Amino acid sequence: MAYRLLRYFIFFLGLTFFGLGNAIAVKVQSLGLHPWEVLNVALFHRFGFTIGTWSIICGLVLVLIAFVVDRKYINIGTFLNTLSIGPIMDFFLHLNILPHETDHWWLNLLILLMGIIISGIGGGIYVAAGIGAGPRDGFMLSISEKTGLSVSRARIVVESTILIIGFILGGPVFIMTFAYTFIQSPIFQFSMKLMRSYIASLNRKHKGRLEISL
């Protein structure tokens, strides 16, 4: 029980870092954002609500599509991810403590890189917890399986489509939009590997205690 609770704690810790990183990036959005955030910001400017609310709405739409296409990628973690990251982003944005965009491009770039790094670390942490894939990941895995495309190609197709929609709606697309994934992915992979090793060591200790008690 304690081990499972710890995994959920790690999961929500990762979501918190991921939401914080996205919120920091939104503050310097003129340099460009990740395609999904381009769409969320565009919808926010067009129709109101909050960026976090649009994150939830888009996530729920993807969950619904994935449920129809291939529901095996949907579980409790998918819904927790969908319903948590948006409010976490809004929370940090409403606190008004995050660094704001400046008149210096290099300083804005540093702020954006900080956001990308934090969200990359958070993504790796919550995936490593093994509670479940997020709505975007589940959707892309479903698309990959049904179309025969590799996961990487499915991701490119989906994110390119989302980027085009976000751009048409007036979302913040610039040079860092295209560099975002290349910077974030290695950080995500490193964070996930490190956290999985840590969780595996905790699992071994947990099983060892159970064996001793028996």
Protein backbone atom coordinates (compact mmCIF):
# COMPACT_ATOMS: atom_id res chain seq x y z
CA MET A 1 0.00 0.00 0.00
CA ALA A 2 2.77 2.44 0.97
CA TYR A 3 4.66 1.63 -2.23
CA ARG A 4 1.58 2.32 -4.37
CA LEU A 5 0.92 5.61 -2.58
CA LEU A 6 4.54 6.60 -3.20
CA ARG A 7 4.10 5.92 -6.93
CA TYR A 8 1.03 8.18 -6.97
CA PHE A 9 3.01 10.85 -5.11
CA ILE A 10 5.77 10.62 -7.75
CA PHE A 11 3.12 10.75 -10.48
CA PHE A 12 1.56 13.97 -9.15
CA LEU A 13 5.01 15.44 -8.48
CA GLY A 14 5.80 14.90 -12.16
CA LEU A 15 2.50 16.47 -13.22
CA THR A 16 3.26 19.48 -11.03
CA PHE A 17 6.67 19.98 -12.62
CA PHE A 18 5.18 19.50 -16.08
CA GLY A 19 2.44 22.07 -15.45
CA LEU A 20 4.94 24.52 -13.94
CA GLY A 21 7.26 24.19 -16.93
CA ASN A 22 4.40 24.80 -19.35
CA ALA A 23 3.27 27.84 -17.37
CA ILE A 24 6.79 29.32 -17.47
CA ALA A 25 6.94 28.74 -21.24
CA VAL A 26 3.59 30.47 -21.75
CA LYS A 27 5.02 33.59 -20.11
CA VAL A 28 7.53 33.98 -22.97
CA GLN A 29 5.31 32.64 -25.72
CA SER A 30 6.54 35.12 -28.37
CA LEU A 31 9.50 32.79 -28.99
CA GLY A 32 7.10 29.93 -29.78
CA LEU A 33 5.53 27.10 -27.81
CA HIS A 34 5.02 23.37 -28.12
CA PRO A 35 2.29 22.62 -30.72
CA TRP A 36 -0.28 21.58 -28.10
CA GLU A 37 0.30 24.79 -26.12
CA VAL A 38 0.12 26.80 -29.35
CA LEU A 39 -3.40 25.43 -29.76
CA ASN A 40 -4.38 25.98 -26.11
CA VAL A 41 -3.15 29.59 -26.15
CA ALA A 42 -4.88 30.24 -29.50
CA LEU A 43 -8.19 28.89 -28.15
CA PHE A 44 -7.75 30.99 -25.01
CA HIS A 45 -7.30 34.19 -27.02
CA ARG A 46 -10.15 33.32 -29.40
CA PHE A 47 -12.82 32.05 -27.03
CA GLY A 48 -11.82 32.94 -23.48
CA PHE A 49 -11.84 30.56 -20.50
CA THR A 50 -8.25 29.80 -19.36
CA ILE A 51 -5.29 28.08 -20.98
CA GLY A 52 -5.60 25.30 -18.42
CA THR A 53 -9.30 24.86 -19.18
CA TRP A 54 -8.54 24.41 -22.87
CA SER A 55 -5.86 21.89 -21.94
CA ILE A 56 -8.55 19.87 -20.13
CA ILE A 57 -11.06 20.20 -22.98
CA CYS A 58 -8.53 19.13 -25.63
CA GLY A 59 -7.39 16.27 -23.40
CA LEU A 60 -10.94 15.01 -22.91
CA VAL A 61 -11.57 15.15 -26.67
CA LEU A 62 -8.45 13.02 -27.23
CA VAL A 63 -9.54 10.57 -24.52
CA LEU A 64 -12.93 10.24 -26.21
CA ILE A 65 -11.32 9.58 -29.61
CA ALA A 66 -8.86 7.09 -28.11
CA PHE A 67 -11.73 5.39 -26.29
CA VAL A 68 -13.53 4.83 -29.60
CA VAL A 69 -10.38 3.84 -31.52
CA ASP A 70 -8.59 1.70 -28.92
CA ARG A 71 -9.57 1.99 -25.26
CA LYS A 72 -6.66 -0.11 -23.96
CA TYR A 73 -4.54 3.05 -23.66
CA ILE A 74 -7.04 4.68 -21.31
CA ASN A 75 -6.86 4.14 -17.56
CA ILE A 76 -7.05 6.05 -14.30
CA GLY A 77 -3.73 7.75 -14.97
CA THR A 78 -5.02 9.11 -18.28
CA PHE A 79 -7.92 10.87 -16.57
CA LEU A 80 -5.75 12.12 -13.69
CA ASN A 81 -3.31 13.56 -16.23
CA THR A 82 -6.10 15.14 -18.29
CA LEU A 83 -7.79 16.77 -15.31
CA SER A 84 -4.66 17.85 -13.40
CA ILE A 85 -2.15 19.55 -15.72
CA GLY A 86 -4.53 22.34 -16.81
CA PRO A 87 -5.44 23.46 -13.27
CA ILE A 88 -1.78 23.20 -12.23
CA MET A 89 -0.82 25.52 -15.11
CA ASP A 90 -3.59 27.98 -14.22
CA PHE A 91 -2.55 27.90 -10.57
CA PHE A 92 1.02 28.94 -11.33
CA LEU A 93 -0.09 31.51 -13.92
CA HIS A 94 -2.54 33.11 -11.48
CA LEU A 95 0.07 33.29 -8.72
CA ASN A 96 1.86 35.92 -10.80
CA ILE A 97 5.27 34.85 -9.47
CA LEU A 98 6.70 33.47 -12.70
CA PRO A 99 9.27 35.44 -14.73
CA HIS A 100 7.66 37.65 -17.35
CA GLU A 101 8.69 38.37 -20.92
CA THR A 102 11.37 41.07 -21.15
CA ASP A 103 12.75 43.33 -23.88
CA HIS A 104 15.86 41.11 -24.15
CA TRP A 105 15.47 38.10 -26.45
CA TRP A 106 18.35 36.20 -24.82
CA LEU A 107 16.73 36.53 -21.38
CA ASN A 108 13.39 35.38 -22.78
CA LEU A 109 15.21 32.43 -24.34
CA LEU A 110 16.73 31.49 -20.98
CA ILE A 111 13.30 31.66 -19.33
CA LEU A 112 11.79 29.50 -22.07
CA LEU A 113 14.63 26.97 -21.81
CA MET A 114 14.02 26.79 -18.07
CA GLY A 115 10.35 26.02 -18.76
CA ILE A 116 11.24 23.36 -21.33
CA ILE A 117 13.73 21.70 -18.96
CA ILE A 118 11.29 21.69 -16.02
CA SER A 119 8.45 20.26 -18.13
CA GLY A 120 10.81 17.67 -19.61
CA ILE A 121 11.85 16.56 -16.14
CA GLY A 122 8.21 16.48 -15.01
CA GLY A 123 7.13 14.45 -18.02
CA GLY A 124 9.83 11.86 -17.38
CA ILE A 125 8.88 11.63 -13.70
CA TYR A 126 5.14 11.09 -14.19
CA VAL A 127 5.63 8.56 -16.99
CA ALA A 128 8.17 6.64 -14.87
CA ALA A 129 5.58 6.31 -12.09
CA GLY A 130 3.70 3.90 -14.35
CA ILE A 131 0.23 5.13 -13.40
CA GLY A 132 -0.81 5.60 -17.03
CA ALA A 133 -0.18 7.45 -20.28
CA GLY A 134 -1.44 10.99 -20.78
CA PRO A 135 -4.27 11.71 -23.25
CA ARG A 136 -1.90 12.90 -25.98
CA ASP A 137 0.36 9.86 -25.66
CA GLY A 138 -2.59 7.47 -25.59
CA PHE A 139 -4.10 9.16 -28.63
CA MET A 140 -0.86 8.93 -30.62
CA LEU A 141 -0.35 5.29 -29.65
CA SER A 142 -3.89 4.55 -30.84
CA ILE A 143 -3.30 6.36 -34.13
CA SER A 144 0.00 4.55 -34.58
CA GLU A 145 -1.58 1.16 -34.02
CA LYS A 146 -4.58 1.75 -36.30
CA THR A 147 -2.66 3.36 -39.19
CA GLY A 148 0.49 1.23 -39.08
CA LEU A 149 2.67 4.31 -38.68
CA SER A 150 5.57 4.21 -36.25
CA VAL A 151 4.98 6.07 -32.97
CA SER A 152 7.46 8.78 -33.97
CA ARG A 153 5.77 9.30 -37.36
CA ALA A 154 2.33 9.31 -35.76
CA ARG A 155 3.59 11.97 -33.33
CA ILE A 156 4.92 14.08 -36.21
CA VAL A 157 1.63 13.82 -38.12
CA VAL A 158 -0.54 14.60 -35.10
CA GLU A 159 1.59 17.47 -33.76
CA SER A 160 2.00 19.00 -37.23
CA THR A 161 -1.78 18.96 -37.65
CA ILE A 162 -2.28 20.53 -34.22
CA LEU A 163 0.37 23.14 -35.00
CA ILE A 164 -1.33 24.13 -38.25
CA ILE A 165 -4.71 24.47 -36.51
CA GLY A 166 -3.13 26.51 -33.70
CA PHE A 167 -1.32 28.74 -36.21
CA ILE A 168 -4.51 29.37 -38.19
CA LEU A 169 -6.28 30.33 -34.95
CA GLY A 170 -3.48 32.81 -34.16
CA GLY A 171 -1.35 30.79 -31.71
CA PRO A 172 2.26 31.76 -30.90
CA VAL A 173 4.37 29.95 -33.51
CA PHE A 174 8.03 30.92 -33.83
CA ILE A 175 11.48 29.35 -34.05
CA MET A 176 11.35 27.64 -30.63
CA THR A 177 8.14 25.86 -31.64
CA PHE A 178 10.24 23.71 -33.97
CA ALA A 179 13.13 23.29 -31.52
CA TYR A 180 10.89 22.51 -28.52
CA THR A 181 10.66 18.73 -28.95
CA PHE A 182 14.34 18.32 -29.83
CA ILE A 183 15.33 20.04 -26.57
CA GLN A 184 12.67 18.47 -24.36
CA SER A 185 12.88 14.84 -25.52
CA PRO A 186 16.43 14.07 -24.26
CA ILE A 187 15.61 15.66 -20.90
CA PHE A 188 12.39 13.62 -20.75
CA GLN A 189 14.27 10.39 -21.56
CA PHE A 190 16.99 11.05 -18.96
CA SER A 191 14.48 11.98 -16.27
CA MET A 192 12.32 8.92 -16.99
CA LYS A 193 15.30 6.56 -16.93
CA LEU A 194 16.59 8.00 -13.66
CA MET A 195 13.19 7.88 -11.96
CA ARG A 196 12.45 4.35 -13.20
CA SER A 197 15.74 3.17 -11.68
CA TYR A 198 14.80 4.85 -8.40
CA ILE A 199 11.30 3.30 -8.40
CA ALA A 200 12.72 -0.12 -9.28
CA SER A 201 15.10 0.08 -6.31
CA LEU A 202 12.18 1.03 -4.04
CA ASN A 203 10.21 -1.92 -5.40
CA ARG A 204 13.08 -4.33 -4.64
CA LYS A 205 13.31 -2.99 -1.09
CA HIS A 206 9.54 -3.28 -0.69
CA LYS A 207 9.54 -6.92 -1.86
CA GLY A 208 12.51 -7.65 0.39
CA ARG A 209 10.62 -6.38 3.42
CA LEU A 210 7.59 -8.50 2.48
CA GLU A 211 9.72 -11.63 2.17
CA ILE A 212 11.36 -10.97 5.54
CA SER A 213 7.98 -10.45 7.22
CA LEU A 214 6.75 -13.74 5.77
